[in-house]
Amino acid sequence: METGYMQRTNNNTRMGEYQESKALSEIKGKMILARQFPRSVDLALERALTECNRRELAEQAQYEFPRGDSVVRGPSIRLVEVLARAWGNLDFGVDEIEARDGSTTIKAYCWDLETNVSDEKTFTVPHVRTTKKQSYELTDSRDIYEAVANQGARRKRACILAVLPGWFVDAAVETCNKTLENAMKGDGQSIESRVKNMVGKFETFGITGEQIAAKAGKPLDKLNAQDLVKLSRLYSAINDGFVKPSAAFGEEEAKDTRLPGDEEAARLDALNSGLSAAMGKASAAEDEAGPLPWDVKEDAQNGIDG
């Protein structure tokens, strides 16, 4: 028994040492290549601005949403990832460190292989979704993946921004603004068509045209190009997970249908109380008369779990 345990421990130790050695070799190789083929700052800026001249990117380049009496804005996750690729010789991503019942621990990082400047954030994402009324545990694998991926992408964005030069990011944001302004003026598309497309985007989050009009403070047929720019940034903020649709539009979140209603919850509480009392009597009987047969205890426990 002891020999088998020692053998498994040694195998695990060797596997851990192998993985550590492999990771170290890979990062050394990346650093050597980065030193042999250093980035050209001018070429990196040219690549970034070329991407920012594309309308598709410019429309998703920034997020903006209200928070209290202020407005929060910044480069979106999509834009930051484009800038990281254009800058070059960066190692960035999100790694899962540990997954256990109820939470996942992950690490987001960004490392400049040329300058050795890096930033990383290790954090735990609970498998819980919180609403204004209450919180509930996530059990579906897809819901868990989306929650972890969303939090990981936001931390990765922060790590990349901590490594990239500020002037590089500012130049990209300014170019995206100009691209969007020019597209609004000369794309030949009517304002009515653009409003319709914007409403269609928000409908994927359950936001109606009436809510958009209330948010803008004017009817949909009175929206102008600047209103559409603001709405586009708000859409990016929701899409990137910086703000919930209900919070962005000042609406109370709809009650999740997977949660029991008040009446149903009361019935479940009463049922659980009765079953708990029955288990208490069974335990008392066991103390007086000796252990209960296994199948009796199992049936009682299944009654509570079921």
C-alpha atoms as a PDB file:
ATOM      1  CA  MET A   1       0.000   0.000   0.000  1.00  0.00           C
ATOM      2  CA  GLU A   2       2.723   2.402   1.032  1.00  0.00           C
ATOM      3  CA  THR A   3       4.853   1.409  -1.956  1.00  0.00           C
ATOM      4  CA  GLY A   4       1.986   2.156  -4.373  1.00  0.00           C
ATOM      5  CA  TYR A   5       1.412   5.547  -2.780  1.00  0.00           C
ATOM      6  CA  MET A   6       5.093   6.443  -3.024  1.00  0.00           C
ATOM      7  CA  GLN A   7       5.160   5.375  -6.683  1.00  0.00           C
ATOM      8  CA  ARG A   8       2.158   7.587  -7.552  1.00  0.00           C
ATOM      9  CA  THR A   9       3.729  10.496  -5.691  1.00  0.00           C
ATOM     10  CA  ASN A  10       7.006  10.085  -7.578  1.00  0.00           C
ATOM     11  CA  ASN A  11       5.150   9.880 -10.897  1.00  0.00           C
ATOM     12  CA  ASN A  12       3.232  13.066 -10.116  1.00  0.00           C
ATOM     13  CA  THR A  13       6.451  14.802  -9.101  1.00  0.00           C
ATOM     14  CA  ARG A  14       8.222  13.800 -12.300  1.00  0.00           C
ATOM     15  CA  MET A  15       5.230  14.897 -14.387  1.00  0.00           C
ATOM     16  CA  GLY A  16       5.192  18.273 -12.636  1.00  0.00           C
ATOM     17  CA  GLU A  17       8.913  18.704 -13.200  1.00  0.00           C
ATOM     18  CA  TYR A  18       8.497  17.789 -16.869  1.00  0.00           C
ATOM     19  CA  GLN A  19       5.682  20.308 -17.374  1.00  0.00           C
ATOM     20  CA  GLU A  20       7.679  23.018 -15.615  1.00  0.00           C
ATOM     21  CA  SER A  21      10.769  22.272 -17.704  1.00  0.00           C
ATOM     22  CA  LYS A  22       8.717  22.263 -20.918  1.00  0.00           C
ATOM     23  CA  ALA A  23       7.106  25.632 -20.102  1.00  0.00           C
ATOM     24  CA  LEU A  24      10.508  27.127 -19.258  1.00  0.00           C
ATOM     25  CA  SER A  25      11.993  25.884 -22.527  1.00  0.00           C
ATOM     26  CA  GLU A  26       9.100  27.316 -24.537  1.00  0.00           C
ATOM     27  CA  ILE A  27       9.354  30.758 -22.975  1.00  0.00           C
ATOM     28  CA  LYS A  28      13.136  30.793 -23.461  1.00  0.00           C
ATOM     29  CA  GLY A  29      12.624  29.977 -27.134  1.00  0.00           C
ATOM     30  CA  LYS A  30      10.113  32.810 -27.515  1.00  0.00           C
ATOM     31  CA  MET A  31      12.482  35.279 -25.865  1.00  0.00           C
ATOM     32  CA  ILE A  32      15.378  34.250 -28.111  1.00  0.00           C
ATOM     33  CA  LEU A  33      13.238  34.706 -31.231  1.00  0.00           C
ATOM     34  CA  ALA A  34      12.017  38.086 -29.967  1.00  0.00           C
ATOM     35  CA  ARG A  35      15.614  39.252 -29.521  1.00  0.00           C
ATOM     36  CA  GLN A  36      16.590  37.971 -32.963  1.00  0.00           C
ATOM     37  CA  PHE A  37      13.602  39.617 -34.664  1.00  0.00           C
ATOM     38  CA  PRO A  38      12.848  42.767 -32.641  1.00  0.00           C
ATOM     39  CA  ARG A  39       9.782  44.826 -33.441  1.00  0.00           C
ATOM     40  CA  SER A  40       9.854  47.931 -35.571  1.00  0.00           C
ATOM     41  CA  VAL A  41       7.842  50.558 -33.717  1.00  0.00           C
ATOM     42  CA  ASP A  42       6.996  52.391 -36.944  1.00  0.00           C
ATOM     43  CA  LEU A  43       5.832  49.201 -38.629  1.00  0.00           C
ATOM     44  CA  ALA A  44       3.809  48.228 -35.541  1.00  0.00           C
ATOM     45  CA  LEU A  45       2.052  51.607 -35.566  1.00  0.00           C
ATOM     46  CA  GLU A  46       1.377  51.322 -39.287  1.00  0.00           C
ATOM     47  CA  ARG A  47      -0.175  47.875 -38.828  1.00  0.00           C
ATOM     48  CA  ALA A  48      -2.325  49.092 -35.951  1.00  0.00           C
ATOM     49  CA  LEU A  49      -3.615  52.193 -37.744  1.00  0.00           C
ATOM     50  CA  THR A  50      -4.360  50.171 -40.864  1.00  0.00           C
ATOM     51  CA  GLU A  51      -6.644  47.968 -38.771  1.00  0.00           C
ATOM     52  CA  CYS A  52      -8.198  51.045 -37.151  1.00  0.00           C
ATOM     53  CA  ASN A  53      -9.105  52.416 -40.579  1.00  0.00           C
ATOM     54  CA  ARG A  54     -11.555  49.536 -40.975  1.00  0.00           C
ATOM     55  CA  ARG A  55     -15.097  50.525 -40.074  1.00  0.00           C
ATOM     56  CA  GLU A  56     -15.873  47.105 -38.621  1.00  0.00           C
ATOM     57  CA  LEU A  57     -13.193  47.555 -35.976  1.00  0.00           C
ATOM     58  CA  ALA A  58     -13.915  51.256 -35.389  1.00  0.00           C
ATOM     59  CA  GLU A  59     -17.534  50.455 -34.511  1.00  0.00           C
ATOM     60  CA  GLN A  60     -16.363  48.069 -31.774  1.00  0.00           C
ATOM     61  CA  ALA A  61     -13.224  49.908 -30.708  1.00  0.00           C
ATOM     62  CA  GLN A  62     -14.511  51.617 -27.558  1.00  0.00           C
ATOM     63  CA  TYR A  63     -16.992  51.047 -24.785  1.00  0.00           C
ATOM     64  CA  GLU A  64     -18.890  53.743 -22.921  1.00  0.00           C
ATOM     65  CA  PHE A  65     -21.550  53.472 -20.241  1.00  0.00           C
ATOM     66  CA  PRO A  66     -22.911  55.598 -17.389  1.00  0.00           C
ATOM     67  CA  ARG A  67     -21.953  54.864 -13.794  1.00  0.00           C
ATOM     68  CA  GLY A  68     -23.627  57.113 -11.283  1.00  0.00           C
ATOM     69  CA  ASP A  69     -22.937  60.730 -12.227  1.00  0.00           C
ATOM     70  CA  SER A  70     -19.935  59.874 -14.405  1.00  0.00           C
ATOM     71  CA  VAL A  71     -19.269  58.108 -17.694  1.00  0.00           C
ATOM     72  CA  VAL A  72     -16.856  55.181 -17.978  1.00  0.00           C
ATOM     73  CA  ARG A  73     -15.123  54.728 -21.334  1.00  0.00           C
ATOM     74  CA  GLY A  74     -12.061  53.028 -22.766  1.00  0.00           C
ATOM     75  CA  PRO A  75     -10.676  50.806 -25.535  1.00  0.00           C
ATOM     76  CA  SER A  76     -12.632  47.590 -25.993  1.00  0.00           C
ATOM     77  CA  ILE A  77     -11.290  44.079 -25.664  1.00  0.00           C
ATOM     78  CA  ARG A  78     -11.464  43.669 -29.443  1.00  0.00           C
ATOM     79  CA  LEU A  79      -9.301  46.754 -30.074  1.00  0.00           C
ATOM     80  CA  VAL A  80      -6.768  45.843 -27.385  1.00  0.00           C
ATOM     81  CA  GLU A  81      -6.249  42.379 -28.863  1.00  0.00           C
ATOM     82  CA  VAL A  82      -5.694  43.917 -32.325  1.00  0.00           C
ATOM     83  CA  LEU A  83      -3.109  46.305 -30.855  1.00  0.00           C
ATOM     84  CA  ALA A  84      -1.316  43.469 -29.069  1.00  0.00           C
ATOM     85  CA  ARG A  85      -0.923  41.550 -32.324  1.00  0.00           C
ATOM     86  CA  ALA A  86       0.262  44.664 -34.157  1.00  0.00           C
ATOM     87  CA  TRP A  87       2.819  45.513 -31.438  1.00  0.00           C
ATOM     88  CA  GLY A  88       4.301  42.044 -31.699  1.00  0.00           C
ATOM     89  CA  ASN A  89       6.565  39.913 -29.510  1.00  0.00           C
ATOM     90  CA  LEU A  90       3.958  39.783 -26.746  1.00  0.00           C
ATOM     91  CA  ASP A  91       2.972  36.612 -24.943  1.00  0.00           C
ATOM     92  CA  PHE A  92      -0.569  37.049 -23.583  1.00  0.00           C
ATOM     93  CA  GLY A  93      -3.557  34.941 -22.722  1.00  0.00           C
ATOM     94  CA  VAL A  94      -5.638  33.318 -19.994  1.00  0.00           C
ATOM     95  CA  ASP A  95      -4.709  30.054 -18.244  1.00  0.00           C
ATOM     96  CA  GLU A  96      -6.927  27.921 -16.036  1.00  0.00           C
ATOM     97  CA  ILE A  97      -5.070  27.082 -12.846  1.00  0.00           C
ATOM     98  CA  GLU A  98      -7.647  25.101 -10.927  1.00  0.00           C
ATOM     99  CA  ALA A  99     -11.294  24.151 -11.288  1.00  0.00           C
ATOM    100  CA  ARG A 100     -13.259  22.880  -8.351  1.00  0.00           C
ATOM    101  CA  ASP A 101     -16.894  22.673  -7.311  1.00  0.00           C
ATOM    102  CA  GLY A 102     -18.211  26.200  -7.135  1.00  0.00           C
ATOM    103  CA  SER A 103     -15.296  28.193  -8.588  1.00  0.00           C
ATOM    104  CA  THR A 104     -12.494  28.359 -11.153  1.00  0.00           C
ATOM    105  CA  THR A 105      -9.102  29.959 -10.547  1.00  0.00           C
ATOM    106  CA  ILE A 106      -7.517  31.491 -13.638  1.00  0.00           C
ATOM    107  CA  LYS A 107      -4.555  33.678 -14.527  1.00  0.00           C
ATOM    108  CA  ALA A 108      -4.526  36.430 -17.131  1.00  0.00           C
ATOM    109  CA  TYR A 109      -1.141  37.678 -18.259  1.00  0.00           C
ATOM    110  CA  CYS A 110       0.805  39.729 -20.787  1.00  0.00           C
ATOM    111  CA  TRP A 111       4.584  39.612 -21.204  1.00  0.00           C
ATOM    112  CA  ASP A 112       6.712  41.751 -23.528  1.00  0.00           C
ATOM    113  CA  LEU A 113       9.363  39.275 -24.636  1.00  0.00           C
ATOM    114  CA  GLU A 114      11.749  42.035 -25.717  1.00  0.00           C
ATOM    115  CA  THR A 115      11.698  44.365 -22.711  1.00  0.00           C
ATOM    116  CA  ASN A 116      10.742  41.739 -20.100  1.00  0.00           C
ATOM    117  CA  VAL A 117       7.909  43.995 -18.892  1.00  0.00           C
ATOM    118  CA  SER A 118       4.952  41.924 -17.751  1.00  0.00           C
ATOM    119  CA  ASP A 119       1.677  42.045 -15.898  1.00  0.00           C
ATOM    120  CA  GLU A 120      -0.499  39.224 -14.608  1.00  0.00           C
ATOM    121  CA  LYS A 121      -3.627  38.840 -12.551  1.00  0.00           C
ATOM    122  CA  THR A 122      -4.626  35.640 -10.750  1.00  0.00           C
ATOM    123  CA  PHE A 123      -8.192  35.502  -9.494  1.00  0.00           C
ATOM    124  CA  THR A 124     -11.054  33.165  -8.707  1.00  0.00           C
ATOM    125  CA  VAL A 125     -14.360  33.246 -10.569  1.00  0.00           C
ATOM    126  CA  PRO A 126     -17.250  31.837  -8.487  1.00  0.00           C
ATOM    127  CA  HIS A 127     -19.800  29.800 -10.417  1.00  0.00           C
ATOM    128  CA  VAL A 128     -22.555  32.168  -9.354  1.00  0.00           C
ATOM    129  CA  ARG A 129     -24.801  34.595 -11.191  1.00  0.00           C
ATOM    130  CA  THR A 130     -26.014  37.564  -9.178  1.00  0.00           C
ATOM    131  CA  THR A 131     -29.228  39.430  -9.900  1.00  0.00           C
ATOM    132  CA  LYS A 132     -30.833  42.339  -8.081  1.00  0.00           C
ATOM    133  CA  LYS A 133     -33.131  39.958  -6.211  1.00  0.00           C
ATOM    134  CA  GLN A 134     -30.794  37.088  -5.368  1.00  0.00           C
ATOM    135  CA  SER A 135     -27.907  34.929  -6.499  1.00  0.00           C
ATOM    136  CA  TYR A 136     -27.924  31.370  -7.765  1.00  0.00           C
ATOM    137  CA  GLU A 137     -25.309  28.760  -8.537  1.00  0.00           C
ATOM    138  CA  LEU A 138     -24.345  28.005 -12.123  1.00  0.00           C
ATOM    139  CA  THR A 139     -24.508  24.315 -12.964  1.00  0.00           C
ATOM    140  CA  ASP A 140     -24.648  24.261 -16.767  1.00  0.00           C
ATOM    141  CA  SER A 141     -21.170  23.861 -18.292  1.00  0.00           C
ATOM    142  CA  ARG A 142     -21.866  26.487 -20.941  1.00  0.00           C
ATOM    143  CA  ASP A 143     -22.943  29.078 -18.364  1.00  0.00           C
ATOM    144  CA  ILE A 144     -19.813  28.377 -16.328  1.00  0.00           C
ATOM    145  CA  TYR A 145     -17.574  28.652 -19.396  1.00  0.00           C
ATOM    146  CA  GLU A 146     -19.120  31.973 -20.430  1.00  0.00           C
ATOM    147  CA  ALA A 147     -18.763  33.428 -16.926  1.00  0.00           C
ATOM    148  CA  VAL A 148     -15.097  32.380 -16.691  1.00  0.00           C
ATOM    149  CA  ALA A 149     -14.285  33.483 -20.258  1.00  0.00           C
ATOM    150  CA  ASN A 150     -15.885  36.880 -19.716  1.00  0.00           C
ATOM    151  CA  GLN A 151     -13.932  37.583 -16.543  1.00  0.00           C
ATOM    152  CA  GLY A 152     -10.730  36.249 -18.105  1.00  0.00           C
ATOM    153  CA  ALA A 153     -11.054  38.464 -21.196  1.00  0.00           C
ATOM    154  CA  ARG A 154     -11.531  41.566 -19.074  1.00  0.00           C
ATOM    155  CA  ARG A 155      -8.427  40.823 -16.976  1.00  0.00           C
ATOM    156  CA  LYS A 156      -6.426  39.996 -20.096  1.00  0.00           C
ATOM    157  CA  ARG A 157      -7.396  43.376 -21.531  1.00  0.00           C
ATOM    158  CA  ALA A 158      -6.122  45.091 -18.375  1.00  0.00           C
ATOM    159  CA  CYS A 159      -2.822  43.179 -18.543  1.00  0.00           C
ATOM    160  CA  ILE A 160      -2.228  44.092 -22.193  1.00  0.00           C
ATOM    161  CA  LEU A 161      -2.978  47.755 -21.526  1.00  0.00           C
ATOM    162  CA  ALA A 162      -0.485  47.700 -18.640  1.00  0.00           C
ATOM    163  CA  VAL A 163       2.282  46.585 -21.047  1.00  0.00           C
ATOM    164  CA  LEU A 164       1.484  48.526 -24.242  1.00  0.00           C
ATOM    165  CA  PRO A 165       2.726  52.148 -24.477  1.00  0.00           C
ATOM    166  CA  GLY A 166      -0.014  54.669 -23.754  1.00  0.00           C
ATOM    167  CA  TRP A 167       0.725  56.738 -26.864  1.00  0.00           C
ATOM    168  CA  PHE A 168       0.276  53.631 -29.017  1.00  0.00           C
ATOM    169  CA  VAL A 169      -3.205  53.008 -27.608  1.00  0.00           C
ATOM    170  CA  ASP A 170      -4.184  56.695 -27.836  1.00  0.00           C
ATOM    171  CA  ALA A 171      -3.167  56.871 -31.505  1.00  0.00           C
ATOM    172  CA  ALA A 172      -5.313  53.838 -32.285  1.00  0.00           C
ATOM    173  CA  VAL A 173      -8.359  55.223 -30.441  1.00  0.00           C
ATOM    174  CA  GLU A 174      -8.065  58.570 -32.236  1.00  0.00           C
ATOM    175  CA  THR A 175      -7.861  56.847 -35.629  1.00  0.00           C
ATOM    176  CA  CYS A 176     -10.910  54.732 -34.815  1.00  0.00           C
ATOM    177  CA  ASN A 177     -12.862  57.875 -33.922  1.00  0.00           C
ATOM    178  CA  LYS A 178     -11.975  59.485 -37.257  1.00  0.00           C
ATOM    179  CA  THR A 179     -12.844  56.302 -39.134  1.00  0.00           C
ATOM    180  CA  LEU A 180     -16.241  56.141 -37.487  1.00  0.00           C
ATOM    181  CA  GLU A 181     -16.983  59.808 -38.150  1.00  0.00           C
ATOM    182  CA  ASN A 182     -16.055  59.478 -41.834  1.00  0.00           C
ATOM    183  CA  ALA A 183     -18.112  56.312 -42.166  1.00  0.00           C
ATOM    184  CA  MET A 184     -21.158  58.035 -40.705  1.00  0.00           C
ATOM    185  CA  LYS A 185     -20.837  60.877 -43.226  1.00  0.00           C
ATOM    186  CA  GLY A 186     -20.025  59.159 -46.476  1.00  0.00           C
ATOM    187  CA  ASP A 187     -21.109  55.521 -46.484  1.00  0.00           C
ATOM    188  CA  GLY A 188     -24.287  56.271 -48.427  1.00  0.00           C
ATOM    189  CA  GLN A 189     -26.409  54.506 -45.828  1.00  0.00           C
ATOM    190  CA  SER A 190     -29.417  56.422 -44.553  1.00  0.00           C
ATOM    191  CA  ILE A 191     -29.709  57.308 -40.879  1.00  0.00           C
ATOM    192  CA  GLU A 192     -32.945  55.306 -40.727  1.00  0.00           C
ATOM    193  CA  SER A 193     -31.145  52.177 -41.912  1.00  0.00           C
ATOM    194  CA  ARG A 194     -28.362  52.646 -39.375  1.00  0.00           C
ATOM    195  CA  VAL A 195     -30.886  53.117 -36.563  1.00  0.00           C
ATOM    196  CA  LYS A 196     -32.658  49.926 -37.622  1.00  0.00           C
ATOM    197  CA  ASN A 197     -29.381  47.993 -37.560  1.00  0.00           C
ATOM    198  CA  MET A 198     -28.521  49.382 -34.125  1.00  0.00           C
ATOM    199  CA  VAL A 199     -31.922  48.405 -32.728  1.00  0.00           C
ATOM    200  CA  GLY A 200     -31.403  44.905 -34.101  1.00  0.00           C
ATOM    201  CA  LYS A 201     -28.087  44.621 -32.250  1.00  0.00           C
ATOM    202  CA  PHE A 202     -29.615  45.616 -28.923  1.00  0.00           C
ATOM    203  CA  GLU A 203     -32.531  43.228 -29.405  1.00  0.00           C
ATOM    204  CA  THR A 204     -30.055  40.346 -28.958  1.00  0.00           C
ATOM    205  CA  PHE A 205     -29.743  41.518 -25.331  1.00  0.00           C
ATOM    206  CA  GLY A 206     -33.503  41.802 -24.879  1.00  0.00           C
ATOM    207  CA  ILE A 207     -33.484  45.619 -25.237  1.00  0.00           C
ATOM    208  CA  THR A 208     -36.396  47.101 -27.199  1.00  0.00           C
ATOM    209  CA  GLY A 209     -36.567  50.146 -29.423  1.00  0.00           C
ATOM    210  CA  GLU A 210     -38.677  51.913 -26.797  1.00  0.00           C
ATOM    211  CA  GLN A 211     -35.921  51.435 -24.225  1.00  0.00           C
ATOM    212  CA  ILE A 212     -33.317  52.785 -26.659  1.00  0.00           C
ATOM    213  CA  ALA A 213     -35.466  55.866 -27.339  1.00  0.00           C
ATOM    214  CA  ALA A 214     -35.913  56.457 -23.611  1.00  0.00           C
ATOM    215  CA  LYS A 215     -32.156  56.119 -23.077  1.00  0.00           C
ATOM    216  CA  ALA A 216     -31.375  58.591 -25.868  1.00  0.00           C
ATOM    217  CA  GLY A 217     -34.076  60.982 -24.689  1.00  0.00           C
ATOM    218  CA  LYS A 218     -35.647  61.256 -28.135  1.00  0.00           C
ATOM    219  CA  PRO A 219     -37.688  59.130 -30.579  1.00  0.00           C
ATOM    220  CA  LEU A 220     -35.819  56.693 -32.779  1.00  0.00           C
ATOM    221  CA  ASP A 221     -36.587  58.716 -35.913  1.00  0.00           C
ATOM    222  CA  LYS A 222     -34.860  61.740 -34.326  1.00  0.00           C
ATOM    223  CA  LEU A 223     -31.544  60.015 -33.591  1.00  0.00           C
ATOM    224  CA  ASN A 224     -28.481  61.503 -35.280  1.00  0.00           C
ATOM    225  CA  ALA A 225     -24.968  60.245 -36.059  1.00  0.00           C
ATOM    226  CA  GLN A 226     -23.578  61.229 -32.644  1.00  0.00           C
ATOM    227  CA  ASP A 227     -26.385  59.358 -30.895  1.00  0.00           C
ATOM    228  CA  LEU A 228     -25.518  56.258 -32.905  1.00  0.00           C
ATOM    229  CA  VAL A 229     -21.843  56.553 -31.932  1.00  0.00           C
ATOM    230  CA  LYS A 230     -22.776  56.637 -28.243  1.00  0.00           C
ATOM    231  CA  LEU A 231     -25.151  53.712 -28.661  1.00  0.00           C
ATOM    232  CA  SER A 232     -22.457  51.763 -30.499  1.00  0.00           C
ATOM    233  CA  ARG A 233     -20.067  52.270 -27.567  1.00  0.00           C
ATOM    234  CA  LEU A 234     -22.761  51.268 -25.097  1.00  0.00           C
ATOM    235  CA  TYR A 235     -23.363  48.112 -27.133  1.00  0.00           C
ATOM    236  CA  SER A 236     -19.625  47.300 -26.916  1.00  0.00           C
ATOM    237  CA  ALA A 237     -19.701  47.796 -23.145  1.00  0.00           C
ATOM    238  CA  ILE A 238     -22.575  45.337 -22.800  1.00  0.00           C
ATOM    239  CA  ASN A 239     -21.069  42.883 -25.279  1.00  0.00           C
ATOM    240  CA  ASP A 240     -17.712  42.913 -23.438  1.00  0.00           C
ATOM    241  CA  GLY A 241     -19.415  42.351 -20.086  1.00  0.00           C
ATOM    242  CA  PHE A 242     -18.552  45.707 -18.487  1.00  0.00           C
ATOM    243  CA  VAL A 243     -22.188  46.469 -17.728  1.00  0.00           C
ATOM    244  CA  LYS A 244     -25.413  44.474 -17.756  1.00  0.00           C
ATOM    245  CA  PRO A 245     -28.173  45.478 -20.191  1.00  0.00           C
ATOM    246  CA  SER A 246     -30.603  46.117 -17.356  1.00  0.00           C
ATOM    247  CA  ALA A 247     -28.120  48.368 -15.569  1.00  0.00           C
ATOM    248  CA  ALA A 248     -27.219  50.257 -18.748  1.00  0.00           C
ATOM    249  CA  PHE A 249     -30.856  51.054 -19.483  1.00  0.00           C
ATOM    250  CA  GLY A 250     -31.982  51.588 -15.911  1.00  0.00           C
ATOM    251  CA  GLU A 251     -34.352  48.647 -15.962  1.00  0.00           C
ATOM    252  CA  GLU A 252     -34.887  46.097 -13.213  1.00  0.00           C
ATOM    253  CA  GLU A 253     -33.584  42.694 -14.181  1.00  0.00           C
ATOM    254  CA  ALA A 254     -36.220  40.188 -15.105  1.00  0.00           C
ATOM    255  CA  LYS A 255     -36.579  37.426 -12.596  1.00  0.00           C
ATOM    256  CA  ASP A 256     -34.750  34.322 -13.727  1.00  0.00           C
ATOM    257  CA  THR A 257     -37.223  31.561 -14.550  1.00  0.00           C
ATOM    258  CA  ARG A 258     -34.828  28.951 -13.165  1.00  0.00           C
ATOM    259  CA  LEU A 259     -35.300  30.368  -9.668  1.00  0.00           C
ATOM    260  CA  PRO A 260     -38.353  29.246  -7.648  1.00  0.00           C
ATOM    261  CA  GLY A 261     -41.096  31.781  -7.025  1.00  0.00           C
ATOM    262  CA  ASP A 262     -41.955  32.976  -3.520  1.00  0.00           C
ATOM    263  CA  GLU A 263     -44.840  30.547  -3.131  1.00  0.00           C
ATOM    264  CA  GLU A 264     -42.831  27.626  -4.468  1.00  0.00           C
ATOM    265  CA  ALA A 265     -39.885  28.535  -2.260  1.00  0.00           C
ATOM    266  CA  ALA A 266     -42.159  28.545   0.791  1.00  0.00           C
ATOM    267  CA  ARG A 267     -43.431  25.066  -0.075  1.00  0.00           C
ATOM    268  CA  LEU A 268     -39.883  23.795  -0.550  1.00  0.00           C
ATOM    269  CA  ASP A 269     -38.838  25.261   2.814  1.00  0.00           C
ATOM    270  CA  ALA A 270     -41.779  23.567   4.522  1.00  0.00           C
ATOM    271  CA  LEU A 271     -40.948  20.251   2.848  1.00  0.00           C
ATOM    272  CA  ASN A 272     -37.276  20.470   3.826  1.00  0.00           C
ATOM    273  CA  SER A 273     -38.226  21.353   7.408  1.00  0.00           C
ATOM    274  CA  GLY A 274     -40.448  18.284   7.604  1.00  0.00           C
ATOM    275  CA  LEU A 275     -37.780  16.023   6.179  1.00  0.00           C
ATOM    276  CA  SER A 276     -35.186  17.479   8.549  1.00  0.00           C
ATOM    277  CA  ALA A 277     -37.465  16.769  11.485  1.00  0.00           C
ATOM    278  CA  ALA A 278     -37.911  13.194  10.282  1.00  0.00           C
ATOM    279  CA  MET A 279     -34.161  12.743  10.021  1.00  0.00           C
ATOM    280  CA  GLY A 280     -33.793  14.148  13.530  1.00  0.00           C
ATOM    281  CA  LYS A 281     -36.223  11.556  14.891  1.00  0.00           C
ATOM    282  CA  ALA A 282     -34.401   8.822  12.995  1.00  0.00           C
ATOM    283  CA  SER A 283     -31.099   9.915  14.498  1.00  0.00           C
ATOM    284  CA  ALA A 284     -32.610   9.905  17.982  1.00  0.00           C
ATOM    285  CA  ALA A 285     -33.999   6.439  17.413  1.00  0.00           C
ATOM    286  CA  GLU A 286     -30.603   5.282  16.229  1.00  0.00           C
ATOM    287  CA  ASP A 287     -28.976   6.613  19.383  1.00  0.00           C
ATOM    288  CA  GLU A 288     -31.443   4.651  21.552  1.00  0.00           C
ATOM    289  CA  ALA A 289     -31.828   1.457  19.557  1.00  0.00           C
ATOM    290  CA  GLY A 290     -28.509   1.195  17.747  1.00  0.00           C
ATOM    291  CA  PRO A 291     -27.616   1.893  14.106  1.00  0.00           C
ATOM    292  CA  LEU A 292     -30.400   1.915  11.548  1.00  0.00           C
ATOM    293  CA  PRO A 293     -30.123  -0.417   8.560  1.00  0.00           C
ATOM    294  CA  TRP A 294     -28.175   1.194   5.732  1.00  0.00           C
ATOM    295  CA  ASP A 295     -31.096   1.196   3.306  1.00  0.00           C
ATOM    296  CA  VAL A 296     -33.310   3.099   5.783  1.00  0.00           C
ATOM    297  CA  LYS A 297     -30.735   5.877   6.258  1.00  0.00           C
ATOM    298  CA  GLU A 298     -30.119   6.008   2.521  1.00  0.00           C
ATOM    299  CA  ASP A 299     -33.849   6.348   1.767  1.00  0.00           C
ATOM    300  CA  ALA A 300     -34.152   9.170   4.286  1.00  0.00           C
ATOM    301  CA  GLN A 301     -31.159  11.009   2.825  1.00  0.00           C
ATOM    302  CA  ASN A 302     -32.485  10.539  -0.712  1.00  0.00           C
ATOM    303  CA  GLY A 303     -35.730  12.091   0.441  1.00  0.00           C
ATOM    304  CA  ILE A 304     -33.904  15.259   1.405  1.00  0.00           C
ATOM    305  CA  ASP A 305     -31.706  15.359  -1.686  1.00  0.00           C
ATOM    306  CA  GLY A 306     -34.547  14.558  -4.063  1.00  0.00           C
END
